[in-house]
Amino acid sequence: MRIFPAIDISGSKCVRLTQGNFDQKKVYYDNPLDAAKFWESQGARDIHIVDLDGSLNGEFVNLSNLREIAQETKLNIQFGGGIRSLKDVQTLVESGVNRIVIGSLALKDLKTFKDILERYTSQIVCAIDFKNDYVMTEGWQEESKISLNTFIKTISDIGCKSLLVTNISRDGMLTGPDINTYKAIKDLTSAEIIASGGVSSLEDLKALKSIGMPSVIIGKAFYEQKFTFSEAVLAVGGPVC
């Protein structure tokens, strides 16, 4: 299982939100680069970075932090937040991003998303954030009228190879991942499914591993020291891919 420590950036600091609520924000590192270097020192090869302010505003806000991490570490970077055009994707590729996570754009402008997918197929991840079975957009602030299953089928049918699926109600809550939903959507798509939201223990990781989840993003559980990176790797049979 591929493990991505998460670095969520807001106001140029490494933070964690609770259920995507910007009013419930806790700062863990004043400089996101320090967080990236810590995860690299623990043996991580991959990192998941989100420009939270960018997700909310629809444009990059903390791009300088991303570029600093790309320049100062050897981590494979998966990045999302504020991506609204092909030009934005090109900017990220030039900045050293390995995989680009697109959410709101895929939902609101499928044609542009398809154009991006055709050019950067292996580097594109579609973020599917949901609450009460409906897809959320604009930094989790707006509910669409599109169901989770419908959107997964749509995105899979146009050839997207990786889907980042997050149950917002569990994000930052340390209540465990949404195992039942992940089981159900595995029957809807052959794409890689990246689990995100709710991981609180090594048992949660083992549960995800047992249903065949290939990748997981871990945020608050790491920052609240529920377990270490090396313990996570051992729990899923390591080594990190």
C-alpha atoms as a PDB file:
ATOM      1  CA  MET A   1       0.000   0.000   0.000  1.00  0.00           C
ATOM      2  CA  ARG A   2       1.273   3.429  -0.966  1.00  0.00           C
ATOM      3  CA  ILE A   3       1.220   5.815   1.994  1.00  0.00           C
ATOM      4  CA  PHE A   4       0.996   9.580   1.481  1.00  0.00           C
ATOM      5  CA  PRO A   5       1.583  11.793   4.536  1.00  0.00           C
ATOM      6  CA  ALA A   6      -0.546  14.897   4.042  1.00  0.00           C
ATOM      7  CA  ILE A   7       0.605  18.496   4.151  1.00  0.00           C
ATOM      8  CA  ASP A   8      -2.337  20.891   4.044  1.00  0.00           C
ATOM      9  CA  ILE A   9      -1.243  24.498   3.601  1.00  0.00           C
ATOM     10  CA  SER A  10      -3.163  27.586   4.687  1.00  0.00           C
ATOM     11  CA  GLY A  11      -1.592  30.960   5.269  1.00  0.00           C
ATOM     12  CA  SER A  12       1.788  29.404   4.375  1.00  0.00           C
ATOM     13  CA  LYS A  13       1.541  27.084   7.401  1.00  0.00           C
ATOM     14  CA  CYS A  14       1.033  23.333   7.696  1.00  0.00           C
ATOM     15  CA  VAL A  15      -2.418  22.861   9.209  1.00  0.00           C
ATOM     16  CA  ARG A  16      -5.249  20.364   9.603  1.00  0.00           C
ATOM     17  CA  LEU A  17      -8.935  21.161   9.332  1.00  0.00           C
ATOM     18  CA  THR A  18     -11.860  19.260  10.814  1.00  0.00           C
ATOM     19  CA  GLN A  19     -14.427  18.192   8.190  1.00  0.00           C
ATOM     20  CA  GLY A  20     -13.035  20.861   5.876  1.00  0.00           C
ATOM     21  CA  ASN A  21     -14.051  23.642   8.256  1.00  0.00           C
ATOM     22  CA  PHE A  22     -11.655  26.599   8.053  1.00  0.00           C
ATOM     23  CA  ASP A  23     -12.882  27.762  11.463  1.00  0.00           C
ATOM     24  CA  GLN A  24     -11.494  24.560  12.960  1.00  0.00           C
ATOM     25  CA  LYS A  25      -7.881  24.878  11.898  1.00  0.00           C
ATOM     26  CA  LYS A  26      -4.877  23.688  13.882  1.00  0.00           C
ATOM     27  CA  VAL A  27      -1.307  24.657  12.963  1.00  0.00           C
ATOM     28  CA  TYR A  28       1.297  21.882  13.166  1.00  0.00           C
ATOM     29  CA  TYR A  29       4.252  23.525  11.403  1.00  0.00           C
ATOM     30  CA  ASP A  30       4.854  27.213  10.795  1.00  0.00           C
ATOM     31  CA  ASN A  31       6.799  26.232   7.661  1.00  0.00           C
ATOM     32  CA  PRO A  32       5.420  23.427   5.437  1.00  0.00           C
ATOM     33  CA  LEU A  33       8.966  22.664   4.265  1.00  0.00           C
ATOM     34  CA  ASP A  34       9.804  21.514   7.794  1.00  0.00           C
ATOM     35  CA  ALA A  35       6.905  19.071   7.635  1.00  0.00           C
ATOM     36  CA  ALA A  36       8.058  17.750   4.249  1.00  0.00           C
ATOM     37  CA  LYS A  37      11.610  17.287   5.470  1.00  0.00           C
ATOM     38  CA  PHE A  38      10.320  15.453   8.541  1.00  0.00           C
ATOM     39  CA  TRP A  39       8.327  12.968   6.461  1.00  0.00           C
ATOM     40  CA  GLU A  40      11.280  12.476   4.150  1.00  0.00           C
ATOM     41  CA  SER A  41      13.502  11.754   7.156  1.00  0.00           C
ATOM     42  CA  GLN A  42      10.979   9.128   8.305  1.00  0.00           C
ATOM     43  CA  GLY A  43      11.322   7.251   5.031  1.00  0.00           C
ATOM     44  CA  ALA A  44       8.417   8.646   3.021  1.00  0.00           C
ATOM     45  CA  ARG A  45       8.865   8.774  -0.721  1.00  0.00           C
ATOM     46  CA  ASP A  46       5.517  10.370  -1.484  1.00  0.00           C
ATOM     47  CA  ILE A  47       3.731  13.408  -0.095  1.00  0.00           C
ATOM     48  CA  HIS A  48       0.213  14.747  -0.616  1.00  0.00           C
ATOM     49  CA  ILE A  49       0.057  18.551  -0.568  1.00  0.00           C
ATOM     50  CA  VAL A  50      -3.130  20.616  -0.630  1.00  0.00           C
ATOM     51  CA  ASP A  51      -3.297  24.379  -1.068  1.00  0.00           C
ATOM     52  CA  LEU A  52      -6.384  24.847   1.115  1.00  0.00           C
ATOM     53  CA  ASP A  53      -6.592  28.555   0.368  1.00  0.00           C
ATOM     54  CA  GLY A  54      -6.324  27.761  -3.328  1.00  0.00           C
ATOM     55  CA  SER A  55      -9.192  25.261  -3.090  1.00  0.00           C
ATOM     56  CA  LEU A  56     -11.344  27.929  -1.513  1.00  0.00           C
ATOM     57  CA  ASN A  57     -10.360  30.785  -3.825  1.00  0.00           C
ATOM     58  CA  GLY A  58     -10.049  28.908  -7.117  1.00  0.00           C
ATOM     59  CA  GLU A  59      -6.449  29.985  -7.718  1.00  0.00           C
ATOM     60  CA  PHE A  60      -3.014  29.167  -6.328  1.00  0.00           C
ATOM     61  CA  VAL A  61      -2.259  30.937  -3.056  1.00  0.00           C
ATOM     62  CA  ASN A  62       0.616  28.960  -1.530  1.00  0.00           C
ATOM     63  CA  LEU A  63       2.547  28.074  -4.673  1.00  0.00           C
ATOM     64  CA  SER A  64       5.839  29.328  -3.228  1.00  0.00           C
ATOM     65  CA  ASN A  65       5.612  26.745  -0.432  1.00  0.00           C
ATOM     66  CA  LEU A  66       5.071  23.984  -2.983  1.00  0.00           C
ATOM     67  CA  ARG A  67       8.055  25.075  -5.062  1.00  0.00           C
ATOM     68  CA  GLU A  68      10.265  25.215  -1.983  1.00  0.00           C
ATOM     69  CA  ILE A  69       9.342  21.644  -1.061  1.00  0.00           C
ATOM     70  CA  ALA A  70       9.976  20.470  -4.630  1.00  0.00           C
ATOM     71  CA  GLN A  71      13.399  22.119  -4.654  1.00  0.00           C
ATOM     72  CA  GLU A  72      14.516  21.142  -1.155  1.00  0.00           C
ATOM     73  CA  THR A  73      13.359  17.499  -0.991  1.00  0.00           C
ATOM     74  CA  LYS A  74      13.380  14.403  -3.207  1.00  0.00           C
ATOM     75  CA  LEU A  75       9.773  13.536  -2.427  1.00  0.00           C
ATOM     76  CA  ASN A  76       7.285  12.571  -5.122  1.00  0.00           C
ATOM     77  CA  ILE A  77       4.667  15.303  -4.848  1.00  0.00           C
ATOM     78  CA  GLN A  78       0.942  14.833  -5.319  1.00  0.00           C
ATOM     79  CA  PHE A  79      -0.664  18.275  -5.261  1.00  0.00           C
ATOM     80  CA  GLY A  80      -4.169  19.717  -5.334  1.00  0.00           C
ATOM     81  CA  GLY A  81      -5.975  22.967  -4.632  1.00  0.00           C
ATOM     82  CA  GLY A  82      -7.011  25.824  -6.906  1.00  0.00           C
ATOM     83  CA  ILE A  83      -6.476  24.089 -10.253  1.00  0.00           C
ATOM     84  CA  ARG A  84      -8.905  25.544 -12.759  1.00  0.00           C
ATOM     85  CA  SER A  85      -7.188  25.366 -16.181  1.00  0.00           C
ATOM     86  CA  LEU A  86      -4.660  23.622 -18.410  1.00  0.00           C
ATOM     87  CA  LYS A  87      -2.283  26.511 -17.720  1.00  0.00           C
ATOM     88  CA  ASP A  88      -2.498  25.766 -13.987  1.00  0.00           C
ATOM     89  CA  VAL A  89      -1.554  22.143 -14.668  1.00  0.00           C
ATOM     90  CA  GLN A  90       1.409  23.233 -16.782  1.00  0.00           C
ATOM     91  CA  THR A  91       2.539  25.547 -13.962  1.00  0.00           C
ATOM     92  CA  LEU A  92       2.503  22.645 -11.519  1.00  0.00           C
ATOM     93  CA  VAL A  93       4.412  20.323 -13.846  1.00  0.00           C
ATOM     94  CA  GLU A  94       7.047  23.030 -14.291  1.00  0.00           C
ATOM     95  CA  SER A  95       7.149  23.450 -10.492  1.00  0.00           C
ATOM     96  CA  GLY A  96       8.115  19.807  -9.970  1.00  0.00           C
ATOM     97  CA  VAL A  97       4.758  18.188  -9.172  1.00  0.00           C
ATOM     98  CA  ASN A  98       4.516  14.495 -10.061  1.00  0.00           C
ATOM     99  CA  ARG A  99       0.757  13.960  -9.735  1.00  0.00           C
ATOM    100  CA  ILE A 100      -1.924  16.639  -9.975  1.00  0.00           C
ATOM    101  CA  VAL A 101      -5.207  16.367  -8.102  1.00  0.00           C
ATOM    102  CA  ILE A 102      -8.205  18.023  -9.760  1.00  0.00           C
ATOM    103  CA  GLY A 103     -11.619  18.239  -8.130  1.00  0.00           C
ATOM    104  CA  SER A 104     -13.957  21.167  -8.785  1.00  0.00           C
ATOM    105  CA  LEU A 105     -12.810  21.624 -12.390  1.00  0.00           C
ATOM    106  CA  ALA A 106     -13.668  18.010 -13.251  1.00  0.00           C
ATOM    107  CA  LEU A 107     -17.176  18.496 -11.900  1.00  0.00           C
ATOM    108  CA  LYS A 108     -17.893  21.918 -13.391  1.00  0.00           C
ATOM    109  CA  ASP A 109     -16.016  21.812 -16.710  1.00  0.00           C
ATOM    110  CA  LEU A 110     -15.708  18.216 -17.869  1.00  0.00           C
ATOM    111  CA  LYS A 111     -14.494  19.235 -21.329  1.00  0.00           C
ATOM    112  CA  THR A 112     -11.448  21.066 -19.942  1.00  0.00           C
ATOM    113  CA  PHE A 113     -10.763  18.183 -17.568  1.00  0.00           C
ATOM    114  CA  LYS A 114     -10.845  15.746 -20.516  1.00  0.00           C
ATOM    115  CA  ASP A 115      -8.401  17.944 -22.434  1.00  0.00           C
ATOM    116  CA  ILE A 116      -6.037  17.923 -19.452  1.00  0.00           C
ATOM    117  CA  LEU A 117      -6.460  14.169 -19.026  1.00  0.00           C
ATOM    118  CA  GLU A 118      -5.551  13.543 -22.669  1.00  0.00           C
ATOM    119  CA  ARG A 119      -2.273  15.453 -22.263  1.00  0.00           C
ATOM    120  CA  TYR A 120      -1.244  14.298 -18.800  1.00  0.00           C
ATOM    121  CA  THR A 121      -3.066  10.975 -18.354  1.00  0.00           C
ATOM    122  CA  SER A 122      -0.669   9.270 -15.946  1.00  0.00           C
ATOM    123  CA  GLN A 123      -0.223  12.388 -13.800  1.00  0.00           C
ATOM    124  CA  ILE A 124      -3.869  13.259 -13.183  1.00  0.00           C
ATOM    125  CA  VAL A 125      -5.865  12.285 -10.100  1.00  0.00           C
ATOM    126  CA  CYS A 126      -9.537  13.215  -9.819  1.00  0.00           C
ATOM    127  CA  ALA A 127     -10.535  14.269  -6.309  1.00  0.00           C
ATOM    128  CA  ILE A 128     -14.045  13.114  -5.467  1.00  0.00           C
ATOM    129  CA  ASP A 129     -15.053  14.635  -2.148  1.00  0.00           C
ATOM    130  CA  PHE A 130     -18.499  13.678  -0.932  1.00  0.00           C
ATOM    131  CA  LYS A 131     -20.953  14.209   1.883  1.00  0.00           C
ATOM    132  CA  ASN A 132     -24.299  12.423   2.270  1.00  0.00           C
ATOM    133  CA  ASP A 133     -23.571  10.649  -1.039  1.00  0.00           C
ATOM    134  CA  TYR A 134     -23.289  13.895  -3.032  1.00  0.00           C
ATOM    135  CA  VAL A 135     -20.110  15.374  -4.484  1.00  0.00           C
ATOM    136  CA  MET A 136     -18.855  18.595  -2.893  1.00  0.00           C
ATOM    137  CA  THR A 137     -16.877  21.355  -4.648  1.00  0.00           C
ATOM    138  CA  GLU A 138     -15.044  24.646  -4.070  1.00  0.00           C
ATOM    139  CA  GLY A 139     -12.948  23.521  -1.124  1.00  0.00           C
ATOM    140  CA  TRP A 140     -15.809  21.360   0.193  1.00  0.00           C
ATOM    141  CA  GLN A 141     -18.031  24.426   0.623  1.00  0.00           C
ATOM    142  CA  GLU A 142     -20.626  23.719  -2.091  1.00  0.00           C
ATOM    143  CA  GLU A 143     -22.812  20.652  -2.585  1.00  0.00           C
ATOM    144  CA  SER A 144     -23.453  19.588  -6.157  1.00  0.00           C
ATOM    145  CA  LYS A 145     -26.536  17.698  -7.331  1.00  0.00           C
ATOM    146  CA  ILE A 146     -24.384  14.821  -8.599  1.00  0.00           C
ATOM    147  CA  SER A 147     -24.213  11.576  -6.653  1.00  0.00           C
ATOM    148  CA  LEU A 148     -20.936   9.905  -5.738  1.00  0.00           C
ATOM    149  CA  ASN A 149     -21.604   6.794  -7.838  1.00  0.00           C
ATOM    150  CA  THR A 150     -22.685   8.779 -10.901  1.00  0.00           C
ATOM    151  CA  PHE A 151     -19.574  10.946 -10.821  1.00  0.00           C
ATOM    152  CA  ILE A 152     -17.243   7.988 -10.330  1.00  0.00           C
ATOM    153  CA  LYS A 153     -18.729   6.311 -13.401  1.00  0.00           C
ATOM    154  CA  THR A 154     -18.466   9.516 -15.450  1.00  0.00           C
ATOM    155  CA  ILE A 155     -14.833  10.117 -14.574  1.00  0.00           C
ATOM    156  CA  SER A 156     -13.872   6.469 -15.048  1.00  0.00           C
ATOM    157  CA  ASP A 157     -15.574   6.325 -18.450  1.00  0.00           C
ATOM    158  CA  ILE A 158     -13.424   9.167 -19.805  1.00  0.00           C
ATOM    159  CA  GLY A 159     -10.246   7.340 -18.808  1.00  0.00           C
ATOM    160  CA  CYS A 160      -9.135   8.782 -15.477  1.00  0.00           C
ATOM    161  CA  LYS A 161      -6.781   6.231 -13.901  1.00  0.00           C
ATOM    162  CA  SER A 162      -6.687   7.505 -10.306  1.00  0.00           C
ATOM    163  CA  LEU A 163      -9.475   8.680  -8.000  1.00  0.00           C
ATOM    164  CA  LEU A 164      -8.976  10.305  -4.604  1.00  0.00           C
ATOM    165  CA  VAL A 165     -12.176   9.612  -2.692  1.00  0.00           C
ATOM    166  CA  THR A 166     -12.865  11.414   0.593  1.00  0.00           C
ATOM    167  CA  ASN A 167     -15.866  11.201   2.884  1.00  0.00           C
ATOM    168  CA  ILE A 168     -15.823  14.761   4.223  1.00  0.00           C
ATOM    169  CA  SER A 169     -17.816  13.866   7.319  1.00  0.00           C
ATOM    170  CA  ARG A 170     -14.915  11.684   8.468  1.00  0.00           C
ATOM    171  CA  ASP A 171     -12.029  13.958   7.519  1.00  0.00           C
ATOM    172  CA  GLY A 172     -10.050  15.078  10.556  1.00  0.00           C
ATOM    173  CA  MET A 173     -12.400  13.227  12.896  1.00  0.00           C
ATOM    174  CA  LEU A 174     -10.221  10.165  13.614  1.00  0.00           C
ATOM    175  CA  THR A 175     -13.340   7.984  13.474  1.00  0.00           C
ATOM    176  CA  GLY A 176     -12.076   5.472  10.921  1.00  0.00           C
ATOM    177  CA  PRO A 177     -12.254   5.376   7.112  1.00  0.00           C
ATOM    178  CA  ASP A 178     -15.490   4.739   5.232  1.00  0.00           C
ATOM    179  CA  ILE A 179     -14.782   1.071   4.521  1.00  0.00           C
ATOM    180  CA  ASN A 180     -18.285   0.271   3.232  1.00  0.00           C
ATOM    181  CA  THR A 181     -18.154   3.022   0.620  1.00  0.00           C
ATOM    182  CA  TYR A 182     -14.707   1.974  -0.566  1.00  0.00           C
ATOM    183  CA  LYS A 183     -15.917  -1.617  -0.914  1.00  0.00           C
ATOM    184  CA  ALA A 184     -18.898  -0.476  -2.969  1.00  0.00           C
ATOM    185  CA  ILE A 185     -17.052   1.832  -5.350  1.00  0.00           C
ATOM    186  CA  LYS A 186     -14.381  -0.752  -6.133  1.00  0.00           C
ATOM    187  CA  ASP A 187     -17.107  -2.486  -8.165  1.00  0.00           C
ATOM    188  CA  LEU A 188     -17.767   0.697 -10.151  1.00  0.00           C
ATOM    189  CA  THR A 189     -14.292   1.380 -11.517  1.00  0.00           C
ATOM    190  CA  SER A 190     -10.968  -0.202 -12.402  1.00  0.00           C
ATOM    191  CA  ALA A 191      -9.139   3.028 -11.530  1.00  0.00           C
ATOM    192  CA  GLU A 192      -6.761   3.296  -8.597  1.00  0.00           C
ATOM    193  CA  ILE A 193      -8.704   4.452  -5.552  1.00  0.00           C
ATOM    194  CA  ILE A 194      -6.832   6.575  -3.038  1.00  0.00           C
ATOM    195  CA  ALA A 195      -8.461   6.466   0.387  1.00  0.00           C
ATOM    196  CA  SER A 196      -8.601   9.631   2.454  1.00  0.00           C
ATOM    197  CA  GLY A 197     -10.390  10.711   5.605  1.00  0.00           C
ATOM    198  CA  GLY A 198     -10.828   9.241   9.060  1.00  0.00           C
ATOM    199  CA  VAL A 199      -7.761   7.016   9.448  1.00  0.00           C
ATOM    200  CA  SER A 200      -7.080   6.882  13.185  1.00  0.00           C
ATOM    201  CA  SER A 201      -5.221   3.655  13.906  1.00  0.00           C
ATOM    202  CA  LEU A 202      -3.074   0.895  12.492  1.00  0.00           C
ATOM    203  CA  GLU A 203      -6.189  -1.274  12.482  1.00  0.00           C
ATOM    204  CA  ASP A 204      -7.800   1.194  10.080  1.00  0.00           C
ATOM    205  CA  LEU A 205      -4.859   0.791   7.719  1.00  0.00           C
ATOM    206  CA  LYS A 206      -5.081  -2.984   7.944  1.00  0.00           C
ATOM    207  CA  ALA A 207      -8.796  -2.780   7.149  1.00  0.00           C
ATOM    208  CA  LEU A 208      -8.099  -0.717   4.029  1.00  0.00           C
ATOM    209  CA  LYS A 209      -5.373  -3.141   3.024  1.00  0.00           C
ATOM    210  CA  SER A 210      -7.724  -6.102   3.517  1.00  0.00           C
ATOM    211  CA  ILE A 211     -10.223  -4.769   0.952  1.00  0.00           C
ATOM    212  CA  GLY A 212      -7.479  -4.136  -1.585  1.00  0.00           C
ATOM    213  CA  MET A 213      -7.055  -0.378  -1.353  1.00  0.00           C
ATOM    214  CA  PRO A 214      -3.763   0.460  -3.093  1.00  0.00           C
ATOM    215  CA  SER A 215      -3.141   3.918  -1.626  1.00  0.00           C
ATOM    216  CA  VAL A 216      -4.007   5.994   1.430  1.00  0.00           C
ATOM    217  CA  ILE A 217      -3.513   9.579   2.577  1.00  0.00           C
ATOM    218  CA  ILE A 218      -2.887  10.077   6.295  1.00  0.00           C
ATOM    219  CA  GLY A 219      -3.048  13.464   7.957  1.00  0.00           C
ATOM    220  CA  LYS A 220      -4.310  14.083  11.457  1.00  0.00           C
ATOM    221  CA  ALA A 221      -3.455  10.597  12.754  1.00  0.00           C
ATOM    222  CA  PHE A 222       0.197  11.260  11.954  1.00  0.00           C
ATOM    223  CA  TYR A 223       0.218  14.794  13.332  1.00  0.00           C
ATOM    224  CA  GLU A 224      -1.544  13.754  16.520  1.00  0.00           C
ATOM    225  CA  GLN A 225       1.014  10.919  16.856  1.00  0.00           C
ATOM    226  CA  LYS A 226      -1.490   8.070  16.832  1.00  0.00           C
ATOM    227  CA  PHE A 227       1.242   6.033  15.144  1.00  0.00           C
ATOM    228  CA  THR A 228       4.491   6.642  13.282  1.00  0.00           C
ATOM    229  CA  PHE A 229       5.246   6.415   9.595  1.00  0.00           C
ATOM    230  CA  SER A 230       7.379   3.300  10.089  1.00  0.00           C
ATOM    231  CA  GLU A 231       4.577   1.654  12.105  1.00  0.00           C
ATOM    232  CA  ALA A 232       2.161   2.414   9.267  1.00  0.00           C
ATOM    233  CA  VAL A 233       4.486   0.851   6.716  1.00  0.00           C
ATOM    234  CA  LEU A 234       4.861  -2.287   8.820  1.00  0.00           C
ATOM    235  CA  ALA A 235       1.089  -2.501   9.361  1.00  0.00           C
ATOM    236  CA  VAL A 236       0.416  -2.733   5.635  1.00  0.00           C
ATOM    237  CA  GLY A 237       3.305  -5.024   4.887  1.00  0.00           C
ATOM    238  CA  GLY A 238       5.742  -2.401   3.538  1.00  0.00           C
ATOM    239  CA  PRO A 239       7.880  -1.259   1.905  1.00  0.00           C
ATOM    240  CA  VAL A 240       6.374   1.988   0.622  1.00  0.00           C
ATOM    241  CA  CYS A 241       6.033   1.960  -3.168  1.00  0.00           C
END
